[in-house]
Amino acid sequence: MGELFGTLSDGTPVHRWTLERGGVRVRVLSYGGIVQSAEVPDREGHAADVVLGFPSVQGYVDHPGPYLGALVGRYANRIAGGRFPLDGRTYALARNNGPNSLHGGDRGFDRYVWDAEPVEHGVRLSRVSPHGEEGFPGRLEVSATYTLQESGALRIAYEAVTDAPTVVNLTNHSYWNLSGSGHAGGHELRLAASRYTPVDDGLIPVGEPVDVTDSRFDFRVSRKVGSGYDHNYVLDKGVTPEAEEVAELYDPASGRVLTVATTEPGLQLYTADHLGAPFTPGEGIALETQHFPDSPNRPDFPTTRLEPGEVYRSATVYGFGTR
């Protein structure tokens, strides 16, 4: 059983689970499936928390917008116009990001307390998203299992089943700062992505994916991240049955290295240029493994459709090291 971390205003208890293995300590909340902290050693063996988070439940309740560390769904990223067609019917969603729907709507998965049960080296969170929640069709039974591998790597495995055709796109929205504080723009990033999806002013993909060659979007060779990114990268590997490494983030100051492996076909790079108090713009970098934004309106993108009788499965592994 996790420890009591706090309560919501209606008295609902929130528990925190502490996972320790391989020199890494990760804390996960039953509220929003949030990765509250990840304590990782630097090249000298000194540990620091490399995930942005709040010390209390109230911090997350009062500042939901950044989705700090959260499990995001039912649909991560944006759906244009808050609408999508499915089997001849158009479904209307909450428009919580200008004219668009973002990260599941007004009350996405990040704002619920999930059921929690221990598993070996981790915790399994689960909930039922009823038909019509935030406008999405189908009763969705969903789980996310957080485990620490022997090396200390954090694996998040998602599963979902539905009783009616629907769309699903889940991710974790942690902001990484491998220094433990300060601006993260000096981190160096490598991405195994030769293309990205250009976007309009509302960050909705427009046109076809574009080659990154000779552009500021090219991270195929590791370089400083800088700022000005909130873009989906088309991973060269595509959808895979097992998680494959697609990204490496390196902090020269501490020597910490974060690797990201995933089954997903896309990764949203967000440099948090609009992050607000108590944090500062650019204090963290989000690497959101995902299917592409607005896929329900883009039949040319990898599908996010889930049918009854199918099982949605997705996994992402965050590895930690130094050099």
C-alpha atoms as a PDB file:
ATOM      1  CA  MET A   1       0.000   0.000   0.000  1.00  0.00           C
ATOM      2  CA  GLY A   2       1.316   3.429  -0.823  1.00  0.00           C
ATOM      3  CA  GLU A   3       1.606   6.114   1.816  1.00  0.00           C
ATOM      4  CA  LEU A   4      -1.122   8.721   2.243  1.00  0.00           C
ATOM      5  CA  PHE A   5       0.098  11.817   0.416  1.00  0.00           C
ATOM      6  CA  GLY A   6      -2.900  14.097   0.898  1.00  0.00           C
ATOM      7  CA  THR A   7      -6.589  14.515   0.209  1.00  0.00           C
ATOM      8  CA  LEU A   8      -8.657  16.370  -2.357  1.00  0.00           C
ATOM      9  CA  SER A   9     -11.233  18.959  -1.325  1.00  0.00           C
ATOM     10  CA  ASP A  10     -13.979  16.304  -1.377  1.00  0.00           C
ATOM     11  CA  GLY A  11     -11.993  14.113   1.019  1.00  0.00           C
ATOM     12  CA  THR A  12     -10.727  11.617  -1.559  1.00  0.00           C
ATOM     13  CA  PRO A  13      -7.361  10.277  -0.402  1.00  0.00           C
ATOM     14  CA  VAL A  14      -4.299  10.457  -2.655  1.00  0.00           C
ATOM     15  CA  HIS A  15      -1.532   7.897  -2.165  1.00  0.00           C
ATOM     16  CA  ARG A  16       2.118   8.015  -3.111  1.00  0.00           C
ATOM     17  CA  TRP A  17       4.165   4.992  -4.115  1.00  0.00           C
ATOM     18  CA  THR A  18       7.940   5.016  -3.781  1.00  0.00           C
ATOM     19  CA  LEU A  19       9.878   2.744  -6.141  1.00  0.00           C
ATOM     20  CA  GLU A  20      13.585   2.127  -5.502  1.00  0.00           C
ATOM     21  CA  ARG A  21      15.956   0.037  -7.566  1.00  0.00           C
ATOM     22  CA  GLY A  22      19.316   0.347  -9.296  1.00  0.00           C
ATOM     23  CA  GLY A  23      20.240   3.521  -7.417  1.00  0.00           C
ATOM     24  CA  VAL A  24      17.096   5.327  -8.605  1.00  0.00           C
ATOM     25  CA  ARG A  25      14.113   6.440  -6.511  1.00  0.00           C
ATOM     26  CA  VAL A  26      10.830   7.321  -8.270  1.00  0.00           C
ATOM     27  CA  ARG A  27       7.634   8.500  -6.615  1.00  0.00           C
ATOM     28  CA  VAL A  28       4.248   8.011  -8.306  1.00  0.00           C
ATOM     29  CA  LEU A  29       0.906   9.478  -7.214  1.00  0.00           C
ATOM     30  CA  SER A  30      -2.515   7.878  -7.517  1.00  0.00           C
ATOM     31  CA  TYR A  31      -3.746  11.352  -8.481  1.00  0.00           C
ATOM     32  CA  GLY A  32      -3.297  11.702 -12.230  1.00  0.00           C
ATOM     33  CA  GLY A  33      -0.743   8.904 -12.427  1.00  0.00           C
ATOM     34  CA  ILE A  34       1.786  11.634 -11.743  1.00  0.00           C
ATOM     35  CA  VAL A  35       5.517  10.951 -11.604  1.00  0.00           C
ATOM     36  CA  GLN A  36       6.158  13.328  -8.726  1.00  0.00           C
ATOM     37  CA  SER A  37       9.924  12.863  -8.556  1.00  0.00           C
ATOM     38  CA  ALA A  38      12.826  10.852  -9.936  1.00  0.00           C
ATOM     39  CA  GLU A  39      16.020  10.957  -7.886  1.00  0.00           C
ATOM     40  CA  VAL A  40      19.023  10.006  -9.988  1.00  0.00           C
ATOM     41  CA  PRO A  41      22.790  10.191  -9.248  1.00  0.00           C
ATOM     42  CA  ASP A  42      25.156  12.421 -11.226  1.00  0.00           C
ATOM     43  CA  ARG A  43      28.648  11.455 -12.413  1.00  0.00           C
ATOM     44  CA  GLU A  44      29.945  12.019  -8.855  1.00  0.00           C
ATOM     45  CA  GLY A  45      27.236   9.862  -7.317  1.00  0.00           C
ATOM     46  CA  HIS A  46      25.197  12.761  -5.901  1.00  0.00           C
ATOM     47  CA  ALA A  47      21.450  12.316  -6.332  1.00  0.00           C
ATOM     48  CA  ALA A  48      19.018  15.027  -7.429  1.00  0.00           C
ATOM     49  CA  ASP A  49      15.390  15.117  -8.467  1.00  0.00           C
ATOM     50  CA  VAL A  50      15.316  15.395 -12.270  1.00  0.00           C
ATOM     51  CA  VAL A  51      11.514  15.742 -12.712  1.00  0.00           C
ATOM     52  CA  LEU A  52       9.582  18.954 -12.062  1.00  0.00           C
ATOM     53  CA  GLY A  53       6.886  18.477  -9.446  1.00  0.00           C
ATOM     54  CA  PHE A  54       5.045  19.853  -6.432  1.00  0.00           C
ATOM     55  CA  PRO A  55       5.518  18.851  -2.780  1.00  0.00           C
ATOM     56  CA  SER A  56       1.751  18.555  -2.172  1.00  0.00           C
ATOM     57  CA  VAL A  57      -1.420  17.420  -3.917  1.00  0.00           C
ATOM     58  CA  GLN A  58      -2.730  20.961  -3.763  1.00  0.00           C
ATOM     59  CA  GLY A  59       0.103  22.137  -5.977  1.00  0.00           C
ATOM     60  CA  TYR A  60      -1.117  19.874  -8.779  1.00  0.00           C
ATOM     61  CA  VAL A  61      -4.757  20.834  -8.206  1.00  0.00           C
ATOM     62  CA  ASP A  62      -3.930  24.546  -8.312  1.00  0.00           C
ATOM     63  CA  HIS A  63      -1.665  24.239 -11.384  1.00  0.00           C
ATOM     64  CA  PRO A  64      -3.235  21.647 -13.714  1.00  0.00           C
ATOM     65  CA  GLY A  65      -2.245  23.362 -16.966  1.00  0.00           C
ATOM     66  CA  PRO A  66       1.390  22.229 -17.221  1.00  0.00           C
ATOM     67  CA  TYR A  67       0.353  18.555 -16.680  1.00  0.00           C
ATOM     68  CA  LEU A  68       3.467  18.099 -14.530  1.00  0.00           C
ATOM     69  CA  GLY A  69       4.465  14.426 -14.578  1.00  0.00           C
ATOM     70  CA  ALA A  70       0.921  13.387 -15.437  1.00  0.00           C
ATOM     71  CA  LEU A  71      -0.649  10.456 -17.231  1.00  0.00           C
ATOM     72  CA  VAL A  72      -2.376  12.198 -20.124  1.00  0.00           C
ATOM     73  CA  GLY A  73      -5.514  10.910 -21.889  1.00  0.00           C
ATOM     74  CA  ARG A  74      -7.970   9.940 -23.205  1.00  0.00           C
ATOM     75  CA  TYR A  75      -6.184  11.642 -26.117  1.00  0.00           C
ATOM     76  CA  ALA A  76      -2.740  13.153 -25.576  1.00  0.00           C
ATOM     77  CA  ASN A  77      -1.949  16.286 -27.586  1.00  0.00           C
ATOM     78  CA  ARG A  78      -4.452  18.204 -29.723  1.00  0.00           C
ATOM     79  CA  ILE A  79      -7.543  17.405 -31.770  1.00  0.00           C
ATOM     80  CA  ALA A  80      -8.429  20.188 -34.197  1.00  0.00           C
ATOM     81  CA  GLY A  81     -11.669  22.018 -33.538  1.00  0.00           C
ATOM     82  CA  GLY A  82     -12.458  19.650 -30.687  1.00  0.00           C
ATOM     83  CA  ARG A  83     -14.163  17.341 -33.197  1.00  0.00           C
ATOM     84  CA  PHE A  84     -13.463  14.124 -35.048  1.00  0.00           C
ATOM     85  CA  PRO A  85     -15.418  11.709 -37.262  1.00  0.00           C
ATOM     86  CA  LEU A  86     -15.870   8.031 -36.482  1.00  0.00           C
ATOM     87  CA  ASP A  87     -18.076   5.617 -38.434  1.00  0.00           C
ATOM     88  CA  GLY A  88     -20.187   8.376 -39.953  1.00  0.00           C
ATOM     89  CA  ARG A  89     -20.718  10.297 -36.731  1.00  0.00           C
ATOM     90  CA  THR A  90     -18.911  13.425 -35.573  1.00  0.00           C
ATOM     91  CA  TYR A  91     -17.951  13.548 -31.899  1.00  0.00           C
ATOM     92  CA  ALA A  92     -17.668  16.915 -30.146  1.00  0.00           C
ATOM     93  CA  LEU A  93     -15.070  17.292 -27.394  1.00  0.00           C
ATOM     94  CA  ALA A  94     -14.299  19.945 -24.816  1.00  0.00           C
ATOM     95  CA  ARG A  95     -12.386  22.820 -26.417  1.00  0.00           C
ATOM     96  CA  ASN A  96      -9.875  23.642 -23.705  1.00  0.00           C
ATOM     97  CA  ASN A  97      -7.035  24.981 -25.868  1.00  0.00           C
ATOM     98  CA  GLY A  98      -8.432  27.796 -27.971  1.00  0.00           C
ATOM     99  CA  PRO A  99     -10.649  26.127 -30.582  1.00  0.00           C
ATOM    100  CA  ASN A 100      -9.004  22.750 -30.016  1.00  0.00           C
ATOM    101  CA  SER A 101      -9.151  19.885 -27.536  1.00  0.00           C
ATOM    102  CA  LEU A 102      -5.917  19.250 -25.609  1.00  0.00           C
ATOM    103  CA  HIS A 103      -4.809  16.284 -23.488  1.00  0.00           C
ATOM    104  CA  GLY A 104      -8.266  14.835 -22.968  1.00  0.00           C
ATOM    105  CA  GLY A 105     -10.314  17.988 -22.425  1.00  0.00           C
ATOM    106  CA  ASP A 106     -11.437  19.974 -19.387  1.00  0.00           C
ATOM    107  CA  ARG A 107     -10.939  17.051 -17.025  1.00  0.00           C
ATOM    108  CA  GLY A 108      -8.560  14.550 -18.526  1.00  0.00           C
ATOM    109  CA  PHE A 109      -6.999  11.478 -16.964  1.00  0.00           C
ATOM    110  CA  ASP A 110      -4.517  13.716 -15.118  1.00  0.00           C
ATOM    111  CA  ARG A 111      -7.266  15.016 -12.814  1.00  0.00           C
ATOM    112  CA  TYR A 112      -8.649  11.740 -11.468  1.00  0.00           C
ATOM    113  CA  VAL A 113      -7.577   9.558  -8.568  1.00  0.00           C
ATOM    114  CA  TRP A 114      -6.746   6.134  -9.972  1.00  0.00           C
ATOM    115  CA  ASP A 115      -7.097   2.781  -8.245  1.00  0.00           C
ATOM    116  CA  ALA A 116      -3.648   1.493  -7.267  1.00  0.00           C
ATOM    117  CA  GLU A 117      -2.282  -1.955  -6.550  1.00  0.00           C
ATOM    118  CA  PRO A 118       1.285  -3.153  -5.987  1.00  0.00           C
ATOM    119  CA  VAL A 119       3.120  -5.217  -8.586  1.00  0.00           C
ATOM    120  CA  GLU A 120       6.654  -6.549  -8.497  1.00  0.00           C
ATOM    121  CA  HIS A 121       9.023  -3.545  -8.424  1.00  0.00           C
ATOM    122  CA  GLY A 122       6.182  -1.140  -9.069  1.00  0.00           C
ATOM    123  CA  VAL A 123       2.540  -0.091  -9.000  1.00  0.00           C
ATOM    124  CA  ARG A 124      -0.402  -0.570 -11.354  1.00  0.00           C
ATOM    125  CA  LEU A 125      -2.928   2.245 -11.695  1.00  0.00           C
ATOM    126  CA  SER A 126      -6.343   1.691 -13.269  1.00  0.00           C
ATOM    127  CA  ARG A 127      -9.649   3.420 -13.867  1.00  0.00           C
ATOM    128  CA  VAL A 128     -12.759   3.215 -16.030  1.00  0.00           C
ATOM    129  CA  SER A 129     -13.461   6.148 -18.332  1.00  0.00           C
ATOM    130  CA  PRO A 130     -17.217   6.007 -18.956  1.00  0.00           C
ATOM    131  CA  HIS A 131     -18.802   6.370 -22.371  1.00  0.00           C
ATOM    132  CA  GLY A 132     -19.143  10.068 -23.177  1.00  0.00           C
ATOM    133  CA  GLU A 133     -16.468  11.294 -20.781  1.00  0.00           C
ATOM    134  CA  GLU A 134     -15.226  14.589 -22.265  1.00  0.00           C
ATOM    135  CA  GLY A 135     -17.158  13.635 -25.407  1.00  0.00           C
ATOM    136  CA  PHE A 136     -15.243  10.447 -26.252  1.00  0.00           C
ATOM    137  CA  PRO A 137     -17.246   7.349 -27.218  1.00  0.00           C
ATOM    138  CA  GLY A 138     -16.952   3.963 -25.549  1.00  0.00           C
ATOM    139  CA  ARG A 139     -16.483   2.743 -22.001  1.00  0.00           C
ATOM    140  CA  LEU A 140     -12.706   2.532 -21.685  1.00  0.00           C
ATOM    141  CA  GLU A 141     -10.994   0.343 -19.093  1.00  0.00           C
ATOM    142  CA  VAL A 142      -7.436   1.622 -18.838  1.00  0.00           C
ATOM    143  CA  SER A 143      -4.328   0.839 -16.795  1.00  0.00           C
ATOM    144  CA  ALA A 144      -0.786   2.134 -16.483  1.00  0.00           C
ATOM    145  CA  THR A 145       1.886   0.037 -14.798  1.00  0.00           C
ATOM    146  CA  TYR A 146       4.991   1.780 -13.464  1.00  0.00           C
ATOM    147  CA  THR A 147       7.979  -0.455 -12.715  1.00  0.00           C
ATOM    148  CA  LEU A 148      11.667   0.029 -12.069  1.00  0.00           C
ATOM    149  CA  GLN A 149      13.902  -2.348 -13.954  1.00  0.00           C
ATOM    150  CA  GLU A 150      17.078  -3.799 -12.460  1.00  0.00           C
ATOM    151  CA  SER A 151      19.120  -0.966 -14.000  1.00  0.00           C
ATOM    152  CA  GLY A 152      16.858   1.651 -12.396  1.00  0.00           C
ATOM    153  CA  ALA A 153      15.073   2.421 -15.672  1.00  0.00           C
ATOM    154  CA  LEU A 154      11.424   3.479 -15.302  1.00  0.00           C
ATOM    155  CA  ARG A 155       9.029   1.542 -17.538  1.00  0.00           C
ATOM    156  CA  ILE A 156       5.456   2.734 -18.034  1.00  0.00           C
ATOM    157  CA  ALA A 157       3.183   0.227 -19.774  1.00  0.00           C
ATOM    158  CA  TYR A 158      -0.332   1.236 -20.801  1.00  0.00           C
ATOM    159  CA  GLU A 159      -3.271  -1.025 -21.664  1.00  0.00           C
ATOM    160  CA  ALA A 160      -6.881  -0.250 -22.564  1.00  0.00           C
ATOM    161  CA  VAL A 161     -10.000  -2.005 -23.830  1.00  0.00           C
ATOM    162  CA  THR A 162     -13.270  -0.509 -25.045  1.00  0.00           C
ATOM    163  CA  ASP A 163     -16.858  -1.628 -25.569  1.00  0.00           C
ATOM    164  CA  ALA A 164     -17.342   0.616 -28.631  1.00  0.00           C
ATOM    165  CA  PRO A 165     -15.081   2.044 -31.333  1.00  0.00           C
ATOM    166  CA  THR A 166     -13.084   4.968 -29.975  1.00  0.00           C
ATOM    167  CA  VAL A 167      -9.722   6.724 -30.172  1.00  0.00           C
ATOM    168  CA  VAL A 168      -6.942   6.427 -27.590  1.00  0.00           C
ATOM    169  CA  ASN A 169      -3.560   8.142 -27.244  1.00  0.00           C
ATOM    170  CA  LEU A 170      -1.801   8.005 -23.861  1.00  0.00           C
ATOM    171  CA  THR A 171       1.482   9.489 -22.665  1.00  0.00           C
ATOM    172  CA  ASN A 172       3.423  10.679 -19.644  1.00  0.00           C
ATOM    173  CA  HIS A 173       3.989  14.431 -19.395  1.00  0.00           C
ATOM    174  CA  SER A 174       7.084  14.665 -17.188  1.00  0.00           C
ATOM    175  CA  TYR A 175       9.362  17.671 -17.538  1.00  0.00           C
ATOM    176  CA  TRP A 176      13.006  16.636 -17.278  1.00  0.00           C
ATOM    177  CA  ASN A 177      15.784  18.776 -15.848  1.00  0.00           C
ATOM    178  CA  LEU A 178      18.875  16.623 -15.498  1.00  0.00           C
ATOM    179  CA  SER A 179      20.691  19.340 -13.548  1.00  0.00           C
ATOM    180  CA  GLY A 180      17.962  19.295 -10.920  1.00  0.00           C
ATOM    181  CA  SER A 181      17.440  23.066 -11.217  1.00  0.00           C
ATOM    182  CA  GLY A 182      17.961  26.043 -13.513  1.00  0.00           C
ATOM    183  CA  HIS A 183      17.288  26.346 -17.229  1.00  0.00           C
ATOM    184  CA  ALA A 184      17.289  23.098 -19.229  1.00  0.00           C
ATOM    185  CA  GLY A 185      18.025  24.634 -22.622  1.00  0.00           C
ATOM    186  CA  GLY A 186      21.705  23.710 -22.311  1.00  0.00           C
ATOM    187  CA  HIS A 187      20.880  20.004 -22.316  1.00  0.00           C
ATOM    188  CA  GLU A 188      21.939  18.143 -25.431  1.00  0.00           C
ATOM    189  CA  LEU A 189      19.371  16.088 -27.325  1.00  0.00           C
ATOM    190  CA  ARG A 190      19.527  13.334 -29.903  1.00  0.00           C
ATOM    191  CA  LEU A 191      16.355  12.143 -31.659  1.00  0.00           C
ATOM    192  CA  ALA A 192      16.033   9.280 -34.121  1.00  0.00           C
ATOM    193  CA  ALA A 193      13.628  11.252 -36.298  1.00  0.00           C
ATOM    194  CA  SER A 194      14.199  12.378 -39.876  1.00  0.00           C
ATOM    195  CA  ARG A 195      10.840  14.180 -40.117  1.00  0.00           C
ATOM    196  CA  TYR A 196       8.524  16.307 -38.018  1.00  0.00           C
ATOM    197  CA  THR A 197       4.942  17.527 -38.461  1.00  0.00           C
ATOM    198  CA  PRO A 198       4.760  21.294 -39.177  1.00  0.00           C
ATOM    199  CA  VAL A 199       1.911  23.072 -37.382  1.00  0.00           C
ATOM    200  CA  ASP A 200      -0.321  26.122 -37.658  1.00  0.00           C
ATOM    201  CA  ASP A 201      -0.665  28.841 -35.009  1.00  0.00           C
ATOM    202  CA  GLY A 202      -2.856  26.506 -32.921  1.00  0.00           C
ATOM    203  CA  LEU A 203      -0.183  23.767 -33.042  1.00  0.00           C
ATOM    204  CA  ILE A 204      -2.325  21.560 -35.275  1.00  0.00           C
ATOM    205  CA  PRO A 205      -0.364  19.617 -37.932  1.00  0.00           C
ATOM    206  CA  VAL A 206      -0.669  20.999 -41.450  1.00  0.00           C
ATOM    207  CA  GLY A 207       0.387  19.310 -44.653  1.00  0.00           C
ATOM    208  CA  GLU A 208       2.681  16.325 -44.774  1.00  0.00           C
ATOM    209  CA  PRO A 209       5.619  15.553 -42.430  1.00  0.00           C
ATOM    210  CA  VAL A 210       8.723  17.510 -43.423  1.00  0.00           C
ATOM    211  CA  ASP A 211      12.371  16.426 -43.632  1.00  0.00           C
ATOM    212  CA  VAL A 212      14.449  17.936 -40.810  1.00  0.00           C
ATOM    213  CA  THR A 213      17.634  18.229 -42.900  1.00  0.00           C
ATOM    214  CA  ASP A 214      19.273  21.669 -42.730  1.00  0.00           C
ATOM    215  CA  SER A 215      16.691  22.960 -40.249  1.00  0.00           C
ATOM    216  CA  ARG A 216      16.531  23.758 -36.541  1.00  0.00           C
ATOM    217  CA  PHE A 217      14.435  20.607 -36.143  1.00  0.00           C
ATOM    218  CA  ASP A 218      17.339  18.261 -36.887  1.00  0.00           C
ATOM    219  CA  PHE A 219      18.452  16.445 -33.723  1.00  0.00           C
ATOM    220  CA  ARG A 220      19.722  13.308 -35.419  1.00  0.00           C
ATOM    221  CA  VAL A 221      23.164  14.303 -34.128  1.00  0.00           C
ATOM    222  CA  SER A 222      23.179  15.361 -30.470  1.00  0.00           C
ATOM    223  CA  ARG A 223      23.198  19.135 -29.910  1.00  0.00           C
ATOM    224  CA  LYS A 224      21.919  21.735 -27.457  1.00  0.00           C
ATOM    225  CA  VAL A 225      18.153  21.884 -27.301  1.00  0.00           C
ATOM    226  CA  GLY A 226      17.692  25.626 -26.814  1.00  0.00           C
ATOM    227  CA  SER A 227      14.074  26.792 -26.891  1.00  0.00           C
ATOM    228  CA  GLY A 228      11.089  27.299 -29.157  1.00  0.00           C
ATOM    229  CA  TYR A 229       9.884  23.724 -29.598  1.00  0.00           C
ATOM    230  CA  ASP A 230       6.404  22.257 -29.191  1.00  0.00           C
ATOM    231  CA  HIS A 231       6.456  19.856 -32.127  1.00  0.00           C
ATOM    232  CA  ASN A 232       5.736  16.233 -32.916  1.00  0.00           C
ATOM    233  CA  TYR A 233       8.618  14.226 -34.360  1.00  0.00           C
ATOM    234  CA  VAL A 234       7.969  11.307 -36.694  1.00  0.00           C
ATOM    235  CA  LEU A 235      10.195   8.587 -35.280  1.00  0.00           C
ATOM    236  CA  ASP A 236      12.119   6.682 -37.944  1.00  0.00           C
ATOM    237  CA  LYS A 237      11.230   3.309 -36.412  1.00  0.00           C
ATOM    238  CA  GLY A 238       7.442   3.785 -36.585  1.00  0.00           C
ATOM    239  CA  VAL A 239       5.128   1.696 -34.382  1.00  0.00           C
ATOM    240  CA  THR A 240       6.973  -1.277 -32.878  1.00  0.00           C
ATOM    241  CA  PRO A 241       5.820  -4.201 -30.713  1.00  0.00           C
ATOM    242  CA  GLU A 242       8.648  -3.616 -28.241  1.00  0.00           C
ATOM    243  CA  ALA A 243      10.117  -0.357 -26.962  1.00  0.00           C
ATOM    244  CA  GLU A 244      13.092   0.819 -29.040  1.00  0.00           C
ATOM    245  CA  GLU A 245      15.448   3.641 -28.087  1.00  0.00           C
ATOM    246  CA  VAL A 246      14.588   6.878 -29.881  1.00  0.00           C
ATOM    247  CA  ALA A 247      16.050   9.701 -27.791  1.00  0.00           C
ATOM    248  CA  GLU A 248      18.922  10.663 -25.529  1.00  0.00           C
ATOM    249  CA  LEU A 249      19.048  13.762 -23.350  1.00  0.00           C
ATOM    250  CA  TYR A 250      22.407  14.711 -21.810  1.00  0.00           C
ATOM    251  CA  ASP A 251      23.351  17.341 -19.239  1.00  0.00           C
ATOM    252  CA  PRO A 252      27.057  18.236 -19.585  1.00  0.00           C
ATOM    253  CA  ALA A 253      27.125  19.896 -16.146  1.00  0.00           C
ATOM    254  CA  SER A 254      26.014  16.875 -14.092  1.00  0.00           C
ATOM    255  CA  GLY A 255      26.877  14.121 -16.552  1.00  0.00           C
ATOM    256  CA  ARG A 256      23.376  12.681 -16.260  1.00  0.00           C
ATOM    257  CA  VAL A 257      21.944  10.929 -19.302  1.00  0.00           C
ATOM    258  CA  LEU A 258      18.275  10.147 -19.956  1.00  0.00           C
ATOM    259  CA  THR A 259      17.401   7.656 -22.690  1.00  0.00           C
ATOM    260  CA  VAL A 260      13.877   7.171 -24.014  1.00  0.00           C
ATOM    261  CA  ALA A 261      12.685   3.943 -25.626  1.00  0.00           C
ATOM    262  CA  THR A 262       9.124   3.497 -26.837  1.00  0.00           C
ATOM    263  CA  THR A 263       6.688   1.496 -28.931  1.00  0.00           C
ATOM    264  CA  GLU A 264       5.107   4.733 -30.165  1.00  0.00           C
ATOM    265  CA  PRO A 265       5.593   6.308 -33.626  1.00  0.00           C
ATOM    266  CA  GLY A 266       5.932   9.903 -32.436  1.00  0.00           C
ATOM    267  CA  LEU A 267       7.520  12.094 -29.787  1.00  0.00           C
ATOM    268  CA  GLN A 268       6.445  15.606 -28.842  1.00  0.00           C
ATOM    269  CA  LEU A 269       9.402  17.808 -27.958  1.00  0.00           C
ATOM    270  CA  TYR A 270       8.240  20.651 -25.708  1.00  0.00           C
ATOM    271  CA  THR A 271      10.806  23.062 -24.277  1.00  0.00           C
ATOM    272  CA  ALA A 272       8.313  24.574 -21.806  1.00  0.00           C
ATOM    273  CA  ASP A 273       8.790  28.139 -22.981  1.00  0.00           C
ATOM    274  CA  HIS A 274       5.439  29.088 -21.448  1.00  0.00           C
ATOM    275  CA  LEU A 275       5.907  27.392 -18.078  1.00  0.00           C
ATOM    276  CA  GLY A 276       4.625  29.620 -15.293  1.00  0.00           C
ATOM    277  CA  ALA A 277       5.214  30.215 -11.584  1.00  0.00           C
ATOM    278  CA  PRO A 278       6.430  28.656  -9.371  1.00  0.00           C
ATOM    279  CA  PHE A 279       8.607  27.420 -12.235  1.00  0.00           C
ATOM    280  CA  THR A 280      10.320  29.451 -14.928  1.00  0.00           C
ATOM    281  CA  PRO A 281      10.111  29.170 -18.722  1.00  0.00           C
ATOM    282  CA  GLY A 282      12.514  26.553 -20.031  1.00  0.00           C
ATOM    283  CA  GLU A 283      13.092  24.919 -16.643  1.00  0.00           C
ATOM    284  CA  GLY A 284      12.210  21.482 -18.021  1.00  0.00           C
ATOM    285  CA  ILE A 285      11.999  19.553 -21.266  1.00  0.00           C
ATOM    286  CA  ALA A 286       9.048  17.272 -22.061  1.00  0.00           C
ATOM    287  CA  LEU A 287       9.625  14.255 -24.300  1.00  0.00           C
ATOM    288  CA  GLU A 288       6.088  12.935 -24.807  1.00  0.00           C
ATOM    289  CA  THR A 289       5.981   9.580 -26.591  1.00  0.00           C
ATOM    290  CA  GLN A 290       2.732   9.374 -28.509  1.00  0.00           C
ATOM    291  CA  HIS A 291       0.771   8.903 -31.697  1.00  0.00           C
ATOM    292  CA  PHE A 292       0.565  12.102 -33.714  1.00  0.00           C
ATOM    293  CA  PRO A 293      -1.616  15.098 -32.805  1.00  0.00           C
ATOM    294  CA  ASP A 294      -4.976  15.304 -34.594  1.00  0.00           C
ATOM    295  CA  SER A 295      -4.688  11.728 -35.879  1.00  0.00           C
ATOM    296  CA  PRO A 296      -8.481  11.136 -35.664  1.00  0.00           C
ATOM    297  CA  ASN A 297      -8.830  13.815 -38.377  1.00  0.00           C
ATOM    298  CA  ARG A 298      -5.824  12.631 -40.380  1.00  0.00           C
ATOM    299  CA  PRO A 299      -6.317   9.196 -42.005  1.00  0.00           C
ATOM    300  CA  ASP A 300      -2.773   9.503 -43.396  1.00  0.00           C
ATOM    301  CA  PHE A 301      -1.335   9.391 -39.849  1.00  0.00           C
ATOM    302  CA  PRO A 302      -0.875   6.169 -37.823  1.00  0.00           C
ATOM    303  CA  THR A 303      -4.314   5.281 -36.494  1.00  0.00           C
ATOM    304  CA  THR A 304      -5.391   5.809 -32.896  1.00  0.00           C
ATOM    305  CA  ARG A 305      -8.607   3.870 -33.351  1.00  0.00           C
ATOM    306  CA  LEU A 306      -9.415   1.117 -30.854  1.00  0.00           C
ATOM    307  CA  GLU A 307     -12.094  -1.503 -31.512  1.00  0.00           C
ATOM    308  CA  PRO A 308     -13.990  -3.748 -29.099  1.00  0.00           C
ATOM    309  CA  GLY A 309     -12.070  -6.997 -28.718  1.00  0.00           C
ATOM    310  CA  GLU A 310      -8.718  -5.286 -29.284  1.00  0.00           C
ATOM    311  CA  VAL A 311      -6.215  -4.320 -26.565  1.00  0.00           C
ATOM    312  CA  TYR A 312      -4.445  -0.989 -26.742  1.00  0.00           C
ATOM    313  CA  ARG A 313      -0.849  -1.471 -25.647  1.00  0.00           C
ATOM    314  CA  SER A 314       1.922   1.095 -25.393  1.00  0.00           C
ATOM    315  CA  ALA A 315       5.174   1.170 -23.432  1.00  0.00           C
ATOM    316  CA  THR A 316       7.896   3.725 -22.799  1.00  0.00           C
ATOM    317  CA  VAL A 317      11.139   3.185 -20.871  1.00  0.00           C
ATOM    318  CA  TYR A 318      13.138   6.033 -19.327  1.00  0.00           C
ATOM    319  CA  GLY A 319      16.722   4.925 -18.692  1.00  0.00           C
ATOM    320  CA  PHE A 320      19.209   6.783 -16.489  1.00  0.00           C
ATOM    321  CA  GLY A 321      22.996   6.875 -16.635  1.00  0.00           C
ATOM    322  CA  THR A 322      26.029   9.159 -16.574  1.00  0.00           C
ATOM    323  CA  ARG A 323      29.088   9.989 -18.601  1.00  0.00           C
END
